[in-house]
N, C-alpha and C. Protein backbone atom coordinates (compact mmCIF):
# COMPACT_ATOMS: atom_id res chain seq x y z
N MET A 1 105.95 118.51 82.84
CA MET A 1 105.13 117.70 83.73
C MET A 1 106.04 117.07 84.77
N MET A 2 105.65 117.18 86.02
CA MET A 2 106.48 116.70 87.13
C MET A 2 106.70 115.19 87.08
N LEU A 3 105.68 114.42 86.65
CA LEU A 3 105.82 112.96 86.63
C LEU A 3 106.91 112.55 85.66
N SER A 4 107.00 113.21 84.49
CA SER A 4 108.06 112.85 83.54
C SER A 4 109.43 113.14 84.15
N LYS A 5 109.53 114.19 84.96
CA LYS A 5 110.79 114.47 85.66
C LYS A 5 111.10 113.33 86.63
N TRP A 6 110.09 112.88 87.41
CA TRP A 6 110.29 111.78 88.35
C TRP A 6 110.64 110.49 87.63
N LEU A 7 109.96 110.23 86.51
CA LEU A 7 110.26 109.01 85.76
C LEU A 7 111.70 109.05 85.24
N GLY A 8 112.15 110.24 84.83
CA GLY A 8 113.55 110.39 84.40
C GLY A 8 114.51 110.10 85.55
N HIS A 9 114.20 110.61 86.74
CA HIS A 9 115.04 110.35 87.92
C HIS A 9 115.04 108.87 88.27
N ILE A 10 113.86 108.26 88.22
CA ILE A 10 113.76 106.84 88.54
C ILE A 10 114.56 106.01 87.55
N LEU A 11 114.47 106.33 86.26
CA LEU A 11 115.23 105.61 85.25
C LEU A 11 116.73 105.78 85.48
N ALA A 12 117.16 106.99 85.80
CA ALA A 12 118.58 107.25 86.05
C ALA A 12 119.07 106.47 87.26
N VAL A 13 118.29 106.46 88.33
CA VAL A 13 118.67 105.70 89.52
C VAL A 13 118.74 104.22 89.19
N GLY A 14 117.74 103.73 88.44
CA GLY A 14 117.72 102.33 88.06
C GLY A 14 118.94 101.93 87.25
N VAL A 15 119.33 102.77 86.29
CA VAL A 15 120.51 102.49 85.47
C VAL A 15 121.77 102.47 86.34
N CYS A 16 121.89 103.43 87.25
CA CYS A 16 123.06 103.46 88.15
C CYS A 16 123.11 102.23 89.04
N VAL A 17 121.95 101.85 89.57
CA VAL A 17 121.91 100.68 90.45
C VAL A 17 122.30 99.43 89.68
N VAL A 18 121.73 99.26 88.49
CA VAL A 18 122.07 98.07 87.69
C VAL A 18 123.55 98.07 87.36
N ALA A 19 124.12 99.23 87.03
CA ALA A 19 125.55 99.30 86.73
C ALA A 19 126.38 98.91 87.95
N CYS A 20 125.97 99.39 89.12
CA CYS A 20 126.70 99.04 90.35
C CYS A 20 126.55 97.56 90.68
N VAL A 21 125.34 97.06 90.54
CA VAL A 21 125.09 95.67 90.89
C VAL A 21 125.83 94.73 89.95
N THR A 22 125.80 95.03 88.65
CA THR A 22 126.46 94.13 87.71
C THR A 22 127.97 94.17 87.86
N SER A 23 128.50 95.26 88.39
CA SER A 23 129.94 95.32 88.60
C SER A 23 130.36 94.54 89.85
N LEU A 24 129.38 94.30 90.73
CA LEU A 24 129.67 93.48 91.91
C LEU A 24 129.76 92.03 91.47
N SER A 25 130.51 91.25 92.20
CA SER A 25 130.54 89.82 91.87
C SER A 25 129.17 89.24 92.12
N ALA A 26 128.84 88.19 91.41
CA ALA A 26 127.54 87.56 91.59
C ALA A 26 127.39 87.15 93.05
N GLN A 27 126.16 87.14 93.49
CA GLN A 27 125.93 86.78 94.88
C GLN A 27 126.56 85.43 95.16
N GLN A 28 127.13 85.31 96.35
CA GLN A 28 127.84 84.10 96.69
C GLN A 28 127.02 82.88 96.32
N ASP A 29 127.69 81.78 96.08
CA ASP A 29 127.02 80.54 95.69
C ASP A 29 126.31 79.90 96.87
N GLN A 30 125.97 80.68 97.85
CA GLN A 30 125.25 80.16 99.00
C GLN A 30 123.76 80.22 98.72
N GLN A 31 123.04 79.32 99.30
CA GLN A 31 121.59 79.31 99.16
C GLN A 31 121.02 80.18 100.28
N LEU A 32 120.23 81.18 99.91
CA LEU A 32 119.63 82.07 100.89
C LEU A 32 118.24 81.56 101.28
N THR A 33 117.84 81.86 102.50
CA THR A 33 116.47 81.53 102.91
C THR A 33 115.54 82.59 102.34
N ARG A 34 114.26 82.28 102.31
CA ARG A 34 113.29 83.24 101.78
C ARG A 34 113.14 84.41 102.75
N PRO A 35 112.78 85.59 102.24
CA PRO A 35 112.53 86.71 103.15
C PRO A 35 111.28 86.43 103.98
N LYS A 36 111.24 87.01 105.17
CA LYS A 36 110.07 86.86 106.04
C LYS A 36 109.47 88.21 106.39
N VAL A 37 110.31 89.19 106.72
CA VAL A 37 109.85 90.53 107.07
C VAL A 37 110.82 91.55 106.47
N GLU A 38 110.28 92.56 105.81
CA GLU A 38 111.13 93.63 105.28
C GLU A 38 110.40 94.96 105.43
N ALA A 39 111.17 96.02 105.45
CA ALA A 39 110.61 97.37 105.52
C ALA A 39 111.25 98.20 104.42
N LYS A 40 110.51 99.20 103.94
CA LYS A 40 111.07 100.04 102.88
C LYS A 40 110.55 101.47 102.98
N ALA A 41 111.37 102.37 102.46
CA ALA A 41 111.00 103.77 102.32
C ALA A 41 110.70 104.00 100.85
N LEU A 42 109.67 104.80 100.56
CA LEU A 42 109.24 105.04 99.19
C LEU A 42 109.47 106.51 98.84
N PHE A 43 109.99 106.75 97.64
CA PHE A 43 110.23 108.10 97.15
C PHE A 43 109.80 108.16 95.69
N GLY A 44 109.03 109.18 95.30
CA GLY A 44 108.64 109.26 93.90
C GLY A 44 107.61 110.33 93.64
N GLY A 45 106.74 110.02 92.69
CA GLY A 45 105.72 110.97 92.29
C GLY A 45 104.44 110.27 91.91
N VAL A 46 103.33 111.01 91.99
CA VAL A 46 102.02 110.50 91.62
C VAL A 46 101.29 111.55 90.79
N VAL A 47 100.31 111.07 90.01
CA VAL A 47 99.47 111.97 89.22
C VAL A 47 98.02 111.63 89.55
N PHE A 48 97.24 112.65 89.97
CA PHE A 48 95.83 112.44 90.25
C PHE A 48 94.99 112.66 88.99
N GLU A 49 95.37 113.62 88.20
CA GLU A 49 94.74 113.89 86.91
C GLU A 49 95.77 114.68 86.12
N PRO A 50 95.58 114.81 84.81
CA PRO A 50 96.60 115.55 84.04
C PRO A 50 96.91 116.90 84.66
N GLU A 51 98.17 117.20 84.73
CA GLU A 51 98.67 118.46 85.28
C GLU A 51 98.46 118.61 86.78
N LEU A 52 98.24 117.53 87.50
CA LEU A 52 98.11 117.60 88.95
C LEU A 52 99.05 116.57 89.57
N ASP A 53 100.34 116.90 89.50
CA ASP A 53 101.38 116.00 89.99
C ASP A 53 101.69 116.30 91.45
N HIS A 54 102.10 115.27 92.17
CA HIS A 54 102.49 115.40 93.57
C HIS A 54 103.82 114.67 93.78
N THR A 55 104.62 115.19 94.68
CA THR A 55 105.79 114.46 95.18
C THR A 55 105.29 113.52 96.26
N ALA A 56 105.87 112.32 96.31
CA ALA A 56 105.38 111.32 97.27
C ALA A 56 106.54 110.72 98.07
N VAL A 57 106.29 110.52 99.36
CA VAL A 57 107.22 109.80 100.24
C VAL A 57 106.37 108.92 101.16
N GLY A 58 106.95 107.83 101.61
CA GLY A 58 106.18 106.96 102.48
C GLY A 58 106.99 105.81 103.00
N GLY A 59 106.30 104.84 103.55
CA GLY A 59 106.96 103.67 104.09
C GLY A 59 106.01 102.49 104.09
N ALA A 60 106.58 101.29 104.13
CA ALA A 60 105.78 100.07 104.13
C ALA A 60 106.54 98.96 104.84
N VAL A 61 105.79 98.00 105.33
CA VAL A 61 106.37 96.79 105.93
C VAL A 61 105.73 95.61 105.22
N ARG A 62 106.57 94.71 104.72
CA ARG A 62 106.08 93.52 104.03
C ARG A 62 106.31 92.30 104.90
N VAL A 63 105.24 91.52 105.10
CA VAL A 63 105.31 90.29 105.88
C VAL A 63 104.90 89.14 104.96
N TYR A 64 105.80 88.18 104.81
CA TYR A 64 105.53 87.04 103.94
C TYR A 64 104.66 86.02 104.66
N VAL A 65 103.63 85.53 103.95
CA VAL A 65 102.78 84.48 104.50
C VAL A 65 103.10 83.13 103.86
N THR A 66 103.72 83.15 102.66
CA THR A 66 104.27 81.96 102.01
C THR A 66 105.59 82.38 101.39
N LYS A 67 106.23 81.48 100.65
CA LYS A 67 107.52 81.82 100.04
C LYS A 67 107.42 83.04 99.13
N ARG A 68 106.31 83.20 98.41
CA ARG A 68 106.18 84.29 97.44
C ARG A 68 105.06 85.28 97.73
N LEU A 69 104.12 84.93 98.54
CA LEU A 69 102.95 85.77 98.81
C LEU A 69 103.15 86.54 100.12
N SER A 70 102.84 87.84 100.08
CA SER A 70 103.03 88.67 101.28
C SER A 70 101.94 89.72 101.38
N ILE A 71 101.79 90.27 102.59
CA ILE A 71 100.91 91.41 102.80
C ILE A 71 101.81 92.60 103.12
N GLU A 72 101.39 93.77 102.66
CA GLU A 72 102.24 94.95 102.82
C GLU A 72 101.40 96.19 103.10
N PRO A 73 101.16 96.50 104.36
CA PRO A 73 100.50 97.77 104.67
C PRO A 73 101.47 98.92 104.41
N GLU A 74 100.94 100.02 103.88
CA GLU A 74 101.80 101.17 103.57
C GLU A 74 101.13 102.48 103.93
N PHE A 75 101.99 103.48 104.11
CA PHE A 75 101.56 104.86 104.31
C PHE A 75 102.27 105.70 103.27
N LEU A 76 101.52 106.58 102.59
CA LEU A 76 102.10 107.43 101.56
C LEU A 76 101.62 108.87 101.78
N TYR A 77 102.57 109.81 101.81
CA TYR A 77 102.26 111.23 101.93
C TYR A 77 102.57 111.87 100.59
N MET A 78 101.61 112.60 100.03
CA MET A 78 101.77 113.24 98.73
C MET A 78 101.51 114.74 98.87
N ARG A 79 102.33 115.53 98.20
CA ARG A 79 102.23 116.98 98.37
C ARG A 79 102.39 117.69 97.03
N ASN A 80 101.50 118.66 96.83
CA ASN A 80 101.60 119.56 95.68
C ASN A 80 101.44 120.98 96.22
N GLY A 81 102.29 121.32 97.19
CA GLY A 81 102.23 122.63 97.80
C GLY A 81 101.46 122.60 99.12
N ALA A 82 101.52 123.70 99.84
CA ALA A 82 100.89 123.79 101.16
C ALA A 82 99.37 123.67 101.09
N ASP A 83 98.79 124.00 99.93
CA ASP A 83 97.33 123.96 99.79
C ASP A 83 96.82 122.67 99.16
N ASP A 84 97.68 121.68 99.01
CA ASP A 84 97.24 120.41 98.40
C ASP A 84 98.11 119.27 98.92
N GLN A 85 97.58 118.57 99.92
CA GLN A 85 98.30 117.45 100.52
C GLN A 85 97.36 116.26 100.64
N ASP A 86 97.92 115.06 100.45
CA ASP A 86 97.12 113.85 100.50
C ASP A 86 97.88 112.78 101.29
N TYR A 87 97.09 111.91 101.94
CA TYR A 87 97.66 110.82 102.73
C TYR A 87 96.94 109.53 102.35
N ILE A 88 97.69 108.47 102.16
CA ILE A 88 97.10 107.16 101.86
C ILE A 88 97.54 106.16 102.91
N VAL A 89 96.59 105.40 103.41
CA VAL A 89 96.86 104.21 104.21
C VAL A 89 96.24 103.06 103.42
N GLN A 90 97.09 102.12 103.01
CA GLN A 90 96.61 101.08 102.09
C GLN A 90 97.26 99.74 102.37
N PRO A 91 96.48 98.72 102.69
CA PRO A 91 97.04 97.38 102.75
C PRO A 91 97.16 96.82 101.33
N ASN A 92 98.26 96.15 101.05
CA ASN A 92 98.51 95.56 99.73
C ASN A 92 98.76 94.07 99.87
N VAL A 93 98.59 93.38 98.75
CA VAL A 93 99.00 92.00 98.62
C VAL A 93 100.07 91.99 97.52
N ALA A 94 101.20 91.34 97.80
CA ALA A 94 102.29 91.28 96.83
C ALA A 94 102.61 89.82 96.53
N PHE A 95 103.03 89.58 95.30
CA PHE A 95 103.43 88.23 94.88
C PHE A 95 104.76 88.33 94.15
N ASP A 96 105.76 87.60 94.64
CA ASP A 96 107.06 87.56 93.97
C ASP A 96 106.97 86.64 92.77
N ILE A 97 107.08 87.20 91.58
CA ILE A 97 106.97 86.43 90.35
C ILE A 97 108.19 85.53 90.18
N THR A 98 109.34 86.05 90.53
CA THR A 98 110.57 85.26 90.45
C THR A 98 111.00 84.84 91.85
N ASP A 99 111.96 83.95 91.91
CA ASP A 99 112.45 83.37 93.18
C ASP A 99 112.92 84.47 94.13
N PRO A 100 112.31 84.60 95.32
CA PRO A 100 112.67 85.68 96.25
C PRO A 100 114.03 85.50 96.92
N THR A 101 114.74 84.42 96.64
CA THR A 101 116.08 84.24 97.21
C THR A 101 117.16 84.70 96.24
N LYS A 102 116.77 85.18 95.06
CA LYS A 102 117.74 85.61 94.03
C LYS A 102 118.04 87.11 94.17
N ARG A 103 119.01 87.58 93.38
CA ARG A 103 119.43 88.99 93.41
C ARG A 103 118.37 89.91 92.83
N PHE A 104 117.71 89.49 91.75
CA PHE A 104 116.67 90.29 91.10
C PHE A 104 115.34 89.58 91.32
N VAL A 105 114.37 90.29 91.92
CA VAL A 105 113.08 89.69 92.25
C VAL A 105 111.96 90.56 91.67
N ALA A 106 111.33 90.07 90.59
CA ALA A 106 110.19 90.77 90.00
C ALA A 106 108.96 90.45 90.84
N TYR A 107 108.11 91.45 91.05
CA TYR A 107 106.91 91.24 91.86
C TYR A 107 105.73 92.03 91.31
N ALA A 108 104.53 91.53 91.64
CA ALA A 108 103.28 92.24 91.36
C ALA A 108 102.70 92.66 92.71
N ILE A 109 102.03 93.82 92.72
CA ILE A 109 101.49 94.34 93.97
C ILE A 109 100.19 95.09 93.70
N GLY A 110 99.27 95.00 94.63
CA GLY A 110 98.02 95.74 94.50
C GLY A 110 97.29 95.80 95.82
N GLY A 111 96.43 96.78 95.94
CA GLY A 111 95.67 96.91 97.17
C GLY A 111 94.65 98.04 97.08
N ALA A 112 93.87 98.17 98.14
CA ALA A 112 92.88 99.23 98.25
C ALA A 112 92.93 99.79 99.66
N GLY A 113 92.66 101.07 99.78
CA GLY A 113 92.74 101.68 101.10
C GLY A 113 91.98 102.99 101.17
N VAL A 114 92.46 103.86 102.05
CA VAL A 114 91.80 105.14 102.32
C VAL A 114 92.74 106.29 101.95
N LEU A 115 92.19 107.28 101.27
CA LEU A 115 92.92 108.49 100.92
C LEU A 115 92.26 109.67 101.63
N HIS A 116 93.08 110.49 102.30
CA HIS A 116 92.57 111.71 102.94
C HIS A 116 93.22 112.89 102.24
N HIS A 117 92.40 113.77 101.70
CA HIS A 117 92.87 114.98 101.01
C HIS A 117 92.65 116.18 101.92
N LYS A 118 93.68 117.00 102.04
CA LYS A 118 93.60 118.23 102.81
C LYS A 118 94.05 119.35 101.90
N GLY A 119 93.20 120.34 101.69
CA GLY A 119 93.56 121.41 100.78
C GLY A 119 92.85 122.71 101.11
N ARG A 120 93.22 123.70 100.31
CA ARG A 120 92.62 125.02 100.46
C ARG A 120 92.35 125.52 99.05
N SER A 121 91.09 125.90 98.80
CA SER A 121 90.69 126.37 97.48
C SER A 121 89.77 127.57 97.64
N SER A 122 90.04 128.62 96.90
CA SER A 122 89.22 129.85 96.94
C SER A 122 89.04 130.37 98.36
N GLY A 123 90.09 130.24 99.18
CA GLY A 123 90.05 130.76 100.54
C GLY A 123 89.38 129.86 101.55
N PHE A 124 88.88 128.70 101.13
CA PHE A 124 88.21 127.78 102.05
C PHE A 124 89.04 126.52 102.24
N ASP A 125 89.11 126.09 103.50
CA ASP A 125 89.74 124.81 103.79
C ASP A 125 88.82 123.70 103.32
N ARG A 126 89.44 122.67 102.76
CA ARG A 126 88.66 121.54 102.27
C ARG A 126 89.33 120.26 102.68
N SER A 127 88.57 119.35 103.23
CA SER A 127 89.09 118.07 103.65
C SER A 127 88.12 116.99 103.19
N VAL A 128 88.66 115.98 102.50
CA VAL A 128 87.84 114.91 101.95
C VAL A 128 88.53 113.58 102.20
N THR A 129 87.75 112.58 102.58
CA THR A 129 88.28 111.23 102.71
C THR A 129 87.53 110.34 101.73
N THR A 130 88.29 109.53 100.98
CA THR A 130 87.69 108.65 99.98
C THR A 130 88.50 107.37 99.90
N TRP A 131 88.17 106.51 98.98
CA TRP A 131 88.89 105.26 98.81
C TRP A 131 89.98 105.42 97.74
N THR A 132 90.91 104.52 97.74
CA THR A 132 91.98 104.49 96.75
C THR A 132 92.30 103.04 96.44
N ALA A 133 92.80 102.80 95.26
CA ALA A 133 93.23 101.45 94.88
C ALA A 133 94.30 101.57 93.81
N SER A 134 95.24 100.64 93.81
CA SER A 134 96.28 100.63 92.78
C SER A 134 96.82 99.23 92.60
N ALA A 135 97.38 99.00 91.42
CA ALA A 135 98.01 97.71 91.12
C ALA A 135 99.15 97.96 90.14
N GLY A 136 100.19 97.16 90.26
CA GLY A 136 101.33 97.31 89.37
C GLY A 136 102.40 96.32 89.71
N GLY A 137 103.64 96.74 89.51
CA GLY A 137 104.74 95.83 89.78
C GLY A 137 106.05 96.56 89.90
N GLY A 138 107.07 95.79 90.21
CA GLY A 138 108.41 96.34 90.37
C GLY A 138 109.44 95.23 90.36
N VAL A 139 110.67 95.63 90.57
CA VAL A 139 111.78 94.68 90.64
C VAL A 139 112.65 95.06 91.82
N LYS A 140 112.81 94.13 92.76
CA LYS A 140 113.74 94.35 93.87
C LYS A 140 115.13 93.96 93.37
N ILE A 141 116.07 94.86 93.56
CA ILE A 141 117.46 94.62 93.16
C ILE A 141 118.28 94.63 94.44
N PHE A 142 118.76 93.45 94.84
CA PHE A 142 119.48 93.33 96.10
C PHE A 142 120.93 93.78 95.92
N LEU A 143 121.34 94.76 96.73
CA LEU A 143 122.72 95.24 96.72
C LEU A 143 123.57 94.39 97.65
N THR A 144 122.96 93.86 98.70
CA THR A 144 123.58 92.90 99.61
C THR A 144 122.53 91.80 99.80
N ASN A 145 122.79 90.85 100.67
CA ASN A 145 121.79 89.81 100.91
C ASN A 145 120.48 90.38 101.44
N ARG A 146 120.52 91.55 102.10
CA ARG A 146 119.32 92.11 102.73
C ARG A 146 118.93 93.50 102.26
N LEU A 147 119.84 94.31 101.78
CA LEU A 147 119.56 95.68 101.34
C LEU A 147 119.18 95.69 99.87
N PHE A 148 118.06 96.38 99.54
CA PHE A 148 117.62 96.41 98.15
C PHE A 148 117.07 97.78 97.76
N VAL A 149 117.03 98.01 96.46
CA VAL A 149 116.29 99.13 95.87
C VAL A 149 115.29 98.51 94.91
N SER A 150 114.16 99.18 94.73
CA SER A 150 113.17 98.64 93.80
C SER A 150 112.39 99.75 93.13
N PRO A 151 112.59 99.91 91.82
CA PRO A 151 111.69 100.80 91.09
C PRO A 151 110.32 100.11 91.00
N GLU A 152 109.25 100.92 91.16
CA GLU A 152 107.90 100.36 91.17
C GLU A 152 106.98 101.29 90.42
N PHE A 153 106.05 100.71 89.67
CA PHE A 153 105.09 101.49 88.89
C PHE A 153 103.69 100.92 89.12
N ARG A 154 102.71 101.79 89.37
CA ARG A 154 101.33 101.35 89.59
C ARG A 154 100.35 102.26 88.86
N LEU A 155 99.22 101.68 88.50
CA LEU A 155 98.07 102.42 87.97
C LEU A 155 96.93 102.21 88.94
N GLY A 156 96.03 103.19 89.00
CA GLY A 156 94.93 103.01 89.94
C GLY A 156 93.93 104.14 89.92
N SER A 157 93.22 104.25 91.02
CA SER A 157 92.23 105.29 91.21
C SER A 157 92.63 106.10 92.43
N GLU A 158 92.82 107.38 92.23
CA GLU A 158 93.21 108.29 93.32
C GLU A 158 94.49 107.86 94.03
N PRO A 159 95.63 107.99 93.46
CA PRO A 159 96.02 108.59 92.20
C PRO A 159 95.93 107.61 91.02
N THR A 160 95.97 108.18 89.80
CA THR A 160 95.86 107.32 88.62
C THR A 160 97.20 106.71 88.22
N VAL A 161 98.29 107.43 88.44
CA VAL A 161 99.63 106.93 88.11
C VAL A 161 100.54 107.14 89.31
N ARG A 162 101.38 106.16 89.56
CA ARG A 162 102.31 106.24 90.68
C ARG A 162 103.63 105.59 90.29
N ALA A 163 104.73 106.31 90.47
CA ALA A 163 106.06 105.77 90.18
C ALA A 163 106.97 106.10 91.36
N THR A 164 107.59 105.07 91.94
CA THR A 164 108.46 105.29 93.09
C THR A 164 109.74 104.48 92.95
N VAL A 165 110.74 104.91 93.68
CA VAL A 165 111.94 104.12 93.90
C VAL A 165 111.95 103.84 95.39
N ASN A 166 112.04 102.57 95.75
CA ASN A 166 111.97 102.16 97.14
C ASN A 166 113.35 101.70 97.60
N VAL A 167 113.66 101.98 98.83
CA VAL A 167 114.90 101.49 99.44
C VAL A 167 114.46 100.65 100.63
N GLY A 168 114.88 99.38 100.65
CA GLY A 168 114.38 98.50 101.68
C GLY A 168 115.44 97.62 102.30
N TYR A 169 115.03 96.96 103.38
CA TYR A 169 115.92 96.08 104.12
C TYR A 169 115.12 94.89 104.63
N VAL A 170 115.67 93.68 104.45
CA VAL A 170 115.04 92.47 104.93
C VAL A 170 115.49 92.25 106.37
N PHE A 171 114.57 92.30 107.32
CA PHE A 171 114.91 92.15 108.73
C PHE A 171 114.92 90.69 109.16
N ALA A 172 114.13 89.85 108.52
CA ALA A 172 114.09 88.44 108.85
C ALA A 172 114.09 87.64 107.56
N GLY A 173 115.01 86.72 107.44
CA GLY A 173 115.13 85.91 106.23
C GLY A 173 116.28 86.36 105.37
N ARG A 174 116.44 85.74 104.21
CA ARG A 174 117.53 85.97 103.25
C ARG A 174 118.90 85.82 103.92
N SER A 175 119.02 84.85 104.77
CA SER A 175 120.32 84.54 105.36
C SER A 175 120.80 83.23 104.76
N ALA A 176 122.10 82.99 104.86
CA ALA A 176 122.68 81.77 104.30
C ALA A 176 122.23 80.55 105.10
N ASN A 177 121.99 79.50 104.37
CA ASN A 177 121.61 78.23 105.05
C ASN A 177 122.76 77.71 105.88
């Protein structure tokens, strides 16, 4: 199953990142400001139904409205061959469970949006647009004051399971006081 392969890759990347981060000295004893705007690239896999796995790539921009609450519109492209491609545009709401000025930031995220499926079955082109929704969480692991990786896992409807590793950068905020 392709998702178990992706989950294995995500776990391996997570272990490597944690090993690298813990070998770095603790973040300077400076107090960082809260993040305000960040962008990230998403890489991973999704499952629509058993045995229907897709590779997924995408991007998102997170804008904080309070210290811990943010909105995050995203675009996700999913592919299971030339005859099965899907696109998601989904606004999300995210909440940082732990202090967003720290090195490790646990967060919850969820949203609903639009999914467009483009495929070919039995010689006929098929295109369908429907709704999608997902909720889950992740952990941002800051490699520098602004650069982070974050494994993320979500459950939902269309797709039912989603696992990604995100690479992001804080464009505004997380600077020393």
